[in-house]
Amino acid sequence: MAIFNSRVGMIHMFLMFSLYLSVFGFVGVKSLGINYGRVGNNLPQPEKVLDLLTSLKITKIRIYDTNPKVLTAFANSNIELVVTVENELLPQLMDQVQAFQWVTTHIKPYFPATRITGIAVGNEIFTQKDNTLLASLVPAMVNIHGALFQLGLDSNIQVSTPNSIEVLEESYPPSAGIFKSNIYSTMIPLLQFLWKTKAPFWINAYPFFAYKYNPNSISLDYVLFRSTTRIIDNHTNLQYDNMLYAQVDAVIFAITRMGFGGMDVQVSETGWPSKGDPDEIGATLENAATYNENLVRRQLENEGTPWRPNIGLEVYLFALFNENLKLGPTSERNYGLYQPNGTMCYNVGLPALSSMPNGHTSSAVKAANMECQSMVHSMFVSLVIFQVFMRRPY
């Protein structure tokens, strides 16, 4: 009888475990996020965007402000948000009182219902034409973090700043990675702040630009993650089959040279445009689909870079939508995985429908139905195994 009870208990645990897996086992790729830019006059409402992200099983996004409609729409969802302090606000946030007011106005009312996990203070400040912003960067970050600490939110929300790959003086080979000497005076206190608060160093890395400006010297296969040959860094003997990982490792080496080895490095932006001007070599639909699909595949495998092979690289794709009001060359308006009307520009292998919901059964509901079907299937298999166990002699 004791053996029977033990076996029944084990089977019960197995059934519960199977049910757990069926409900929670496919909740998305934890190391993959997406940038949700909104520089357009034809974009869907945030509620529709949440529905789309649910169908994609994306659980991390970054927005470029603290728009109340977005923060409200994403409340009580499974989505983690990184919000942004706009560049022009940095000088005023050097004042502790104004920084505290910013946090109490833009963060505190929404947290924790809206899962704000990070604050990006500015964007690519080191490479802005307006050098006056650089002096404001670290003081603003310190004050924002101080306000979070006062409100008891500092353990939940990290403070960092996204940096262009152009902060590097050298990036090839990766082991030669080093920051530009003219930014040391700000880079050192930034790294000190990130180290002290255990926040990641964010890098915006676009192999597209390297290829665009030097297509005769850089292999398209290498930048699109489909190279069959590897570039060897002779100083480390590490082998690279794609440029993105090489760029990330170059940043890691640069940080290590500054005395902060071991700091977490994450890709806050990367992507490929599906259309460009005649001089934007490589900006095609096929290349965009190839780059993002191969990147997503590697994220599904939780890959690390050659220098940190056992640490999955967190990456945010740019971007969710094409944004028709962005300035600059044609490519700037064509980084999206989706058109503003919700149709997919190309499929990158995410578990999504071909378009957003539009008056019919929502993609979120369909995704839920699929999960329910999976759960039923798992339970059926579990019950069959249960019957096999029950019929076996003790």
Protein backbone atom coordinates (compact mmCIF):
# COMPACT_ATOMS: atom_id res chain seq x y z
CA MET A 1 0.00 0.00 0.00
CA ALA A 2 2.87 2.36 0.82
CA ILE A 3 4.45 1.58 -2.55
CA PHE A 4 1.11 2.28 -4.24
CA ASN A 5 0.71 5.62 -2.46
CA SER A 6 4.28 6.57 -3.31
CA ARG A 7 3.75 5.75 -6.96
CA VAL A 8 0.46 7.64 -7.08
CA GLY A 9 2.20 10.61 -5.47
CA MET A 10 4.96 10.51 -8.07
CA ILE A 11 2.38 10.35 -10.85
CA HIS A 12 0.48 13.25 -9.34
CA MET A 13 3.69 15.29 -9.27
CA PHE A 14 4.36 14.33 -12.89
CA LEU A 15 0.90 15.45 -13.93
CA MET A 16 1.31 18.77 -12.15
CA PHE A 17 4.72 19.26 -13.73
CA SER A 18 3.32 18.52 -17.18
CA LEU A 19 0.53 21.00 -16.60
CA TYR A 20 3.07 23.60 -15.46
CA LEU A 21 5.14 23.11 -18.59
CA SER A 22 2.11 23.32 -20.84
CA VAL A 23 1.06 26.63 -19.34
CA PHE A 24 4.41 28.28 -18.68
CA GLY A 25 6.93 26.43 -20.82
CA PHE A 26 6.66 28.63 -23.90
CA VAL A 27 6.29 32.13 -22.50
CA GLY A 28 8.81 33.69 -24.86
CA VAL A 29 12.53 34.19 -25.34
CA LYS A 30 13.84 35.92 -22.23
CA SER A 31 16.92 37.28 -23.98
CA LEU A 32 15.00 38.89 -26.88
CA GLY A 33 13.24 42.23 -26.80
CA ILE A 34 12.05 44.74 -29.37
CA ASN A 35 12.12 48.51 -29.71
CA TYR A 36 8.67 50.05 -30.00
CA GLY A 37 9.26 53.41 -31.68
CA ARG A 38 6.33 55.69 -32.37
CA VAL A 39 7.61 58.40 -34.74
CA GLY A 40 4.64 58.10 -37.08
CA ASN A 41 1.13 59.40 -37.63
CA ASN A 42 -0.41 56.09 -38.71
CA LEU A 43 0.59 53.67 -35.95
CA PRO A 44 -1.86 51.40 -34.12
CA GLN A 45 -3.08 52.20 -30.64
CA PRO A 46 -0.99 50.81 -27.74
CA GLU A 47 -3.73 48.29 -26.88
CA LYS A 48 -3.40 46.75 -30.34
CA VAL A 49 0.37 46.73 -29.98
CA LEU A 50 0.08 44.83 -26.72
CA ASP A 51 -2.10 42.28 -28.49
CA LEU A 52 0.52 41.88 -31.21
CA LEU A 53 3.37 41.48 -28.73
CA THR A 54 1.35 38.87 -26.89
CA SER A 55 0.97 36.86 -30.08
CA LEU A 56 4.69 37.19 -30.75
CA LYS A 57 5.45 36.01 -27.21
CA ILE A 58 7.74 39.01 -26.80
CA THR A 59 8.03 39.96 -23.13
CA LYS A 60 10.55 42.82 -23.32
CA ILE A 61 10.19 46.16 -25.09
CA ARG A 62 11.86 49.53 -25.08
CA ILE A 63 10.05 52.79 -25.73
CA TYR A 64 11.64 56.17 -26.38
CA ASP A 65 9.72 58.23 -23.84
CA THR A 66 7.30 57.69 -20.95
CA ASN A 67 4.06 58.12 -22.86
CA PRO A 68 1.14 57.70 -20.40
CA LYS A 69 -1.06 55.94 -22.96
CA VAL A 70 1.57 53.27 -23.53
CA LEU A 71 2.36 52.82 -19.84
CA THR A 72 -1.33 52.56 -19.01
CA ALA A 73 -2.09 50.14 -21.86
CA PHE A 74 0.71 47.80 -20.77
CA ALA A 75 -0.40 47.66 -17.14
CA ASN A 76 -1.11 44.18 -15.76
CA SER A 77 0.54 42.54 -18.75
CA ASN A 78 3.51 40.21 -19.03
CA ILE A 79 5.57 42.86 -20.83
CA GLU A 80 8.71 44.34 -19.25
CA LEU A 81 9.40 47.93 -20.34
CA VAL A 82 12.52 50.02 -20.61
CA VAL A 83 11.46 53.67 -20.78
CA THR A 84 13.54 56.63 -21.92
CA VAL A 85 14.42 60.07 -20.66
CA GLU A 86 14.50 62.26 -23.76
CA ASN A 87 17.89 63.84 -24.54
CA GLU A 88 16.68 67.40 -24.13
CA LEU A 89 15.64 66.73 -20.51
CA LEU A 90 19.12 65.82 -19.30
CA PRO A 91 20.30 69.33 -18.31
CA GLN A 92 17.34 69.90 -15.99
CA LEU A 93 17.75 66.47 -14.40
CA MET A 94 21.16 67.52 -13.12
CA ASP A 95 19.06 69.08 -10.36
CA GLN A 96 18.12 66.49 -7.72
CA VAL A 97 14.72 68.05 -7.04
CA GLN A 98 13.72 67.98 -10.70
CA ALA A 99 15.01 64.42 -11.08
CA PHE A 100 12.90 63.32 -8.11
CA GLN A 101 9.88 65.09 -9.58
CA TRP A 102 10.45 63.37 -12.94
CA VAL A 103 10.48 59.93 -11.29
CA THR A 104 7.40 60.66 -9.15
CA THR A 105 5.54 61.89 -12.24
CA HIS A 106 6.68 59.48 -14.97
CA ILE A 107 7.51 56.25 -13.11
CA LYS A 108 5.92 55.92 -9.68
CA PRO A 109 2.23 56.24 -10.75
CA TYR A 110 2.58 53.29 -13.15
CA PHE A 111 4.81 50.93 -11.19
CA PRO A 112 4.39 48.05 -10.38
CA ALA A 113 1.21 47.50 -12.44
CA THR A 114 3.30 48.37 -15.48
CA ARG A 115 6.48 46.33 -15.29
CA ILE A 116 9.07 49.06 -15.77
CA THR A 117 12.46 47.37 -15.43
CA GLY A 118 14.81 49.98 -16.86
CA ILE A 119 15.27 53.67 -17.54
CA ALA A 120 17.39 54.71 -20.50
CA VAL A 121 18.76 58.14 -19.67
CA GLY A 122 19.17 59.74 -23.09
CA ASN A 123 20.14 57.94 -26.27
CA GLU A 124 23.61 57.88 -27.88
CA ILE A 125 24.72 60.96 -25.96
CA PHE A 126 28.44 60.33 -26.54
CA THR A 127 28.01 60.71 -30.30
CA GLN A 128 25.52 63.60 -30.38
CA LYS A 129 26.51 66.74 -32.27
CA ASP A 130 25.51 68.78 -29.21
CA ASN A 131 28.43 68.11 -26.86
CA THR A 132 26.81 70.10 -24.07
CA LEU A 133 24.55 67.16 -23.27
CA LEU A 134 27.52 64.97 -22.38
CA ALA A 135 28.24 66.90 -19.19
CA SER A 136 24.65 66.28 -18.07
CA LEU A 137 24.59 62.53 -18.66
CA VAL A 138 26.12 60.94 -15.55
CA PRO A 139 24.76 63.53 -13.08
CA ALA A 140 21.26 62.97 -14.50
CA MET A 141 21.69 59.18 -14.17
CA VAL A 142 22.91 59.52 -10.59
CA ASN A 143 19.96 61.72 -9.69
CA ILE A 144 17.41 59.43 -11.36
CA HIS A 145 18.85 56.46 -9.48
CA GLY A 146 18.85 58.48 -6.27
CA ALA A 147 15.16 59.26 -6.72
CA LEU A 148 14.40 55.58 -7.32
CA PHE A 149 16.32 54.75 -4.13
CA GLN A 150 14.30 57.26 -2.11
CA LEU A 151 11.10 55.71 -3.40
CA GLY A 152 12.27 52.15 -2.81
CA LEU A 153 12.31 51.31 -6.53
CA ASP A 154 16.04 51.04 -7.18
CA SER A 155 16.12 47.26 -6.76
CA ASN A 156 13.45 46.85 -9.44
CA ILE A 157 14.50 49.42 -12.04
CA GLN A 158 17.97 49.70 -13.58
CA VAL A 159 19.36 52.97 -14.90
CA SER A 160 21.67 53.01 -17.92
CA THR A 161 22.14 54.77 -21.27
CA PRO A 162 22.32 53.34 -24.81
CA ASN A 163 25.57 54.04 -26.67
CA SER A 164 26.41 53.97 -30.35
CA ILE A 165 29.13 51.57 -31.46
CA GLU A 166 30.90 54.76 -32.55
CA VAL A 167 32.13 55.22 -28.97
CA LEU A 168 34.90 52.81 -29.96
CA GLU A 169 38.17 54.05 -31.41
CA GLU A 170 39.07 50.51 -32.49
CA SER A 171 36.78 47.52 -32.90
CA TYR A 172 38.78 45.13 -35.07
CA PRO A 173 39.92 42.65 -34.10
CA PRO A 174 37.56 42.50 -31.11
CA SER A 175 40.44 42.13 -28.66
CA ALA A 176 41.68 45.57 -29.81
CA GLY A 177 38.45 47.22 -28.69
CA ILE A 178 39.09 50.58 -27.03
CA PHE A 179 37.04 53.69 -26.37
CA LYS A 180 37.82 57.01 -28.02
CA SER A 181 40.21 58.92 -25.78
CA ASN A 182 38.24 62.17 -26.02
CA ILE A 183 35.28 60.63 -24.13
CA TYR A 184 37.28 59.14 -21.24
CA SER A 185 36.37 61.97 -18.88
CA THR A 186 32.70 60.96 -19.04
CA MET A 187 33.06 57.26 -19.86
CA ILE A 188 34.98 56.50 -16.67
CA PRO A 189 32.32 57.92 -14.29
CA LEU A 190 29.61 56.24 -16.39
CA LEU A 191 31.29 52.86 -16.00
CA GLN A 192 31.79 53.51 -12.29
CA PHE A 193 28.07 54.24 -11.92
CA LEU A 194 27.02 51.13 -13.87
CA TRP A 195 29.44 48.97 -11.88
CA LYS A 196 28.22 50.29 -8.54
CA THR A 197 24.53 49.87 -9.41
CA LYS A 198 25.03 46.56 -11.26
CA ALA A 199 23.38 47.98 -14.38
CA PRO A 200 24.25 46.82 -17.92
CA PHE A 201 26.23 48.72 -20.53
CA TRP A 202 23.87 49.20 -23.47
CA ILE A 203 25.19 49.31 -27.01
CA ASN A 204 23.38 50.11 -30.26
CA ALA A 205 25.12 47.95 -32.86
CA TYR A 206 24.23 47.91 -36.57
CA PRO A 207 26.40 45.75 -38.85
CA PHE A 208 24.30 47.23 -41.68
CA PHE A 209 26.19 50.52 -41.44
CA ALA A 210 29.57 48.81 -41.63
CA TYR A 211 28.47 46.99 -44.77
CA LYS A 212 26.77 50.06 -46.27
CA TYR A 213 29.95 52.14 -46.12
CA ASN A 214 32.38 49.38 -47.09
CA PRO A 215 30.61 46.68 -49.15
CA ASN A 216 33.72 45.77 -51.10
CA SER A 217 35.71 44.84 -48.00
CA ILE A 218 33.05 43.34 -45.74
CA SER A 219 31.32 40.06 -46.55
CA LEU A 220 27.54 40.27 -46.74
CA ASP A 221 27.34 36.72 -45.41
CA TYR A 222 29.41 37.78 -42.38
CA VAL A 223 27.05 40.60 -41.42
CA LEU A 224 23.92 38.50 -42.09
CA PHE A 225 24.90 35.59 -39.77
CA ARG A 226 25.31 33.13 -42.64
CA SER A 227 29.07 32.99 -43.09
CA THR A 228 30.56 29.55 -43.55
CA THR A 229 34.04 30.81 -42.72
CA ARG A 230 35.24 32.36 -39.48
CA ILE A 231 37.37 35.37 -38.76
CA ILE A 232 40.03 34.55 -36.19
CA ASP A 233 41.22 37.09 -33.64
CA ASN A 234 44.93 36.25 -33.53
CA HIS A 235 45.35 37.76 -30.05
CA THR A 236 42.74 35.50 -28.44
CA ASN A 237 42.28 32.75 -31.05
CA LEU A 238 38.54 33.36 -30.79
CA GLN A 239 36.56 32.70 -33.96
CA TYR A 240 33.75 34.91 -35.24
CA ASP A 241 31.15 34.00 -37.85
CA ASN A 242 29.21 37.27 -37.61
CA MET A 243 29.91 40.96 -37.08
CA LEU A 244 27.39 41.64 -34.30
CA TYR A 245 29.13 39.31 -31.86
CA ALA A 246 32.48 40.77 -32.86
CA GLN A 247 31.19 44.28 -32.13
CA VAL A 248 29.82 43.25 -28.75
CA ASP A 249 33.08 41.58 -27.77
CA ALA A 250 35.00 44.68 -28.87
CA VAL A 251 32.88 46.68 -26.41
CA ILE A 252 33.55 44.13 -23.67
CA PHE A 253 37.30 44.39 -24.28
CA ALA A 254 37.10 48.20 -24.24
CA ILE A 255 35.26 48.13 -20.90
CA THR A 256 37.78 45.66 -19.51
CA ARG A 257 40.62 47.98 -20.51
CA MET A 258 39.00 50.66 -18.37
CA GLY A 259 39.14 48.33 -15.36
CA PHE A 260 35.55 47.03 -15.33
CA GLY A 261 35.87 43.47 -16.62
CA GLY A 262 32.79 41.37 -15.95
CA MET A 263 30.27 44.14 -16.60
CA ASP A 264 27.11 42.99 -18.33
CA VAL A 265 26.87 44.19 -21.95
CA GLN A 266 23.53 44.12 -23.76
CA VAL A 267 22.46 45.14 -27.26
CA SER A 268 19.85 47.87 -26.85
CA GLU A 269 19.34 48.22 -30.61
CA THR A 270 20.17 46.21 -33.69
CA GLY A 271 18.33 45.66 -36.95
CA TRP A 272 18.39 45.94 -40.72
CA PRO A 273 16.31 48.18 -43.02
CA SER A 274 14.08 46.59 -45.66
CA LYS A 275 14.35 49.60 -47.99
CA GLY A 276 16.82 52.40 -48.60
CA ASP A 277 18.02 55.10 -50.96
CA PRO A 278 20.04 54.10 -54.05
CA ASP A 279 23.30 54.70 -52.19
CA GLU A 280 22.25 52.60 -49.18
CA ILE A 281 23.81 49.37 -50.33
CA GLY A 282 22.34 46.28 -48.71
CA ALA A 283 19.06 47.85 -47.59
CA THR A 284 16.71 45.26 -49.08
CA LEU A 285 13.75 43.22 -47.89
CA GLU A 286 15.66 39.98 -48.39
CA ASN A 287 18.65 41.14 -46.33
CA ALA A 288 16.45 42.51 -43.55
CA ALA A 289 14.57 39.22 -43.32
CA THR A 290 17.81 37.23 -43.32
CA TYR A 291 19.52 39.35 -40.66
CA ASN A 292 16.61 39.39 -38.24
CA GLU A 293 15.60 35.78 -38.79
CA ASN A 294 19.13 34.53 -38.16
CA LEU A 295 19.46 36.76 -35.11
CA VAL A 296 16.14 35.53 -33.69
CA ARG A 297 17.23 31.93 -34.27
CA ARG A 298 20.39 32.52 -32.26
CA GLN A 299 18.41 34.19 -29.50
CA LEU A 300 16.14 31.16 -29.35
CA GLU A 301 19.29 29.12 -28.76
CA ASN A 302 20.38 31.57 -26.03
CA GLU A 303 23.78 32.05 -27.63
CA GLY A 304 26.61 34.02 -26.12
CA THR A 305 29.47 35.73 -27.91
CA PRO A 306 32.81 33.93 -28.45
CA TRP A 307 34.32 35.84 -25.52
CA ARG A 308 31.36 34.97 -23.26
CA PRO A 309 29.95 31.78 -24.79
CA ASN A 310 28.14 30.67 -21.63
CA ILE A 311 26.33 33.97 -21.05
CA GLY A 312 23.28 34.53 -23.25
CA LEU A 313 23.39 37.89 -25.01
CA GLU A 314 20.31 40.05 -24.42
CA VAL A 315 19.27 41.80 -27.64
CA TYR A 316 16.54 44.30 -28.52
CA LEU A 317 15.52 44.28 -32.19
CA PHE A 318 14.91 47.57 -33.94
CA ALA A 319 12.09 47.96 -34.61
CA LEU A 320 8.51 46.81 -34.27
CA PHE A 321 7.01 49.16 -36.90
CA ASN A 322 8.08 51.20 -39.89
CA GLU A 323 7.86 54.85 -38.73
CA ASN A 324 6.86 57.26 -41.50
CA LEU A 325 7.85 60.52 -39.74
CA LYS A 326 11.45 59.67 -38.98
CA LEU A 327 13.95 62.03 -40.55
CA GLY A 328 17.00 61.06 -42.57
CA PRO A 329 17.49 58.60 -45.43
CA THR A 330 14.79 56.18 -46.56
CA SER A 331 16.25 53.38 -44.44
CA GLU A 332 15.35 55.25 -41.25
CA ARG A 333 11.66 54.76 -42.01
CA ASN A 334 11.95 51.08 -42.90
CA TYR A 335 13.40 49.12 -39.99
CA GLY A 336 10.08 47.66 -38.86
CA LEU A 337 9.06 44.03 -38.73
CA TYR A 338 5.51 45.30 -39.32
CA GLN A 339 3.76 47.92 -41.38
CA PRO A 340 1.67 50.42 -39.38
CA ASN A 341 -1.51 48.66 -40.56
CA GLY A 342 -0.33 45.51 -38.82
CA THR A 343 0.75 43.46 -41.83
CA MET A 344 4.07 41.69 -41.50
CA CYS A 345 6.92 43.09 -43.61
CA TYR A 346 8.63 39.71 -43.47
CA ASN A 347 8.61 36.67 -41.21
CA VAL A 348 11.56 36.26 -38.87
CA GLY A 349 10.41 33.01 -37.31
CA LEU A 350 8.53 34.37 -34.32
CA PRO A 351 5.30 32.51 -33.44
CA ALA A 352 3.07 35.23 -34.88
CA LEU A 353 0.15 35.51 -37.23
CA SER A 354 0.61 37.21 -40.59
CA SER A 355 -1.16 40.34 -39.37
CA MET A 356 -2.50 42.08 -36.32
CA PRO A 357 -6.08 41.51 -35.19
CA ASN A 358 -8.63 43.61 -37.03
CA GLY A 359 -12.13 43.04 -35.80
CA HIS A 360 -11.93 39.24 -35.82
CA THR A 361 -10.53 36.87 -33.24
CA SER A 362 -7.55 38.66 -31.73
CA SER A 363 -4.06 37.28 -32.04
CA ALA A 364 -3.79 37.23 -28.26
CA VAL A 365 -6.91 35.07 -28.08
CA LYS A 366 -5.64 32.81 -30.83
CA ALA A 367 -2.32 32.50 -29.06
CA ALA A 368 -4.15 31.64 -25.85
CA ASN A 369 -6.19 29.02 -27.74
CA MET A 370 -3.01 27.47 -29.08
CA GLU A 371 -1.56 27.35 -25.57
CA CYS A 372 -4.78 25.78 -24.34
CA GLN A 373 -4.61 23.14 -27.07
CA SER A 374 -1.01 22.44 -26.10
CA MET A 375 -2.03 22.11 -22.46
CA VAL A 376 -4.82 19.65 -23.33
CA HIS A 377 -2.41 17.62 -25.43
CA SER A 378 0.13 17.49 -22.61
CA MET A 379 -2.53 16.45 -20.13
CA PHE A 380 -3.74 13.72 -22.49
CA VAL A 381 -0.21 12.33 -22.84
CA SER A 382 0.22 12.51 -19.07
CA LEU A 383 -3.02 10.61 -18.48
CA VAL A 384 -1.96 7.87 -20.89
CA ILE A 385 1.30 7.48 -18.97
CA PHE A 386 -0.73 7.44 -15.75
CA GLN A 387 -2.85 4.53 -17.03
CA VAL A 388 0.28 2.61 -18.07
CA PHE A 389 1.68 2.99 -14.58
CA MET A 390 -1.59 1.96 -12.98
CA ARG A 391 -1.84 -1.22 -15.04
CA ARG A 392 1.68 -2.40 -14.27
CA PRO A 393 1.95 -5.01 -11.46
CA TYR A 394 3.63 -3.82 -8.28
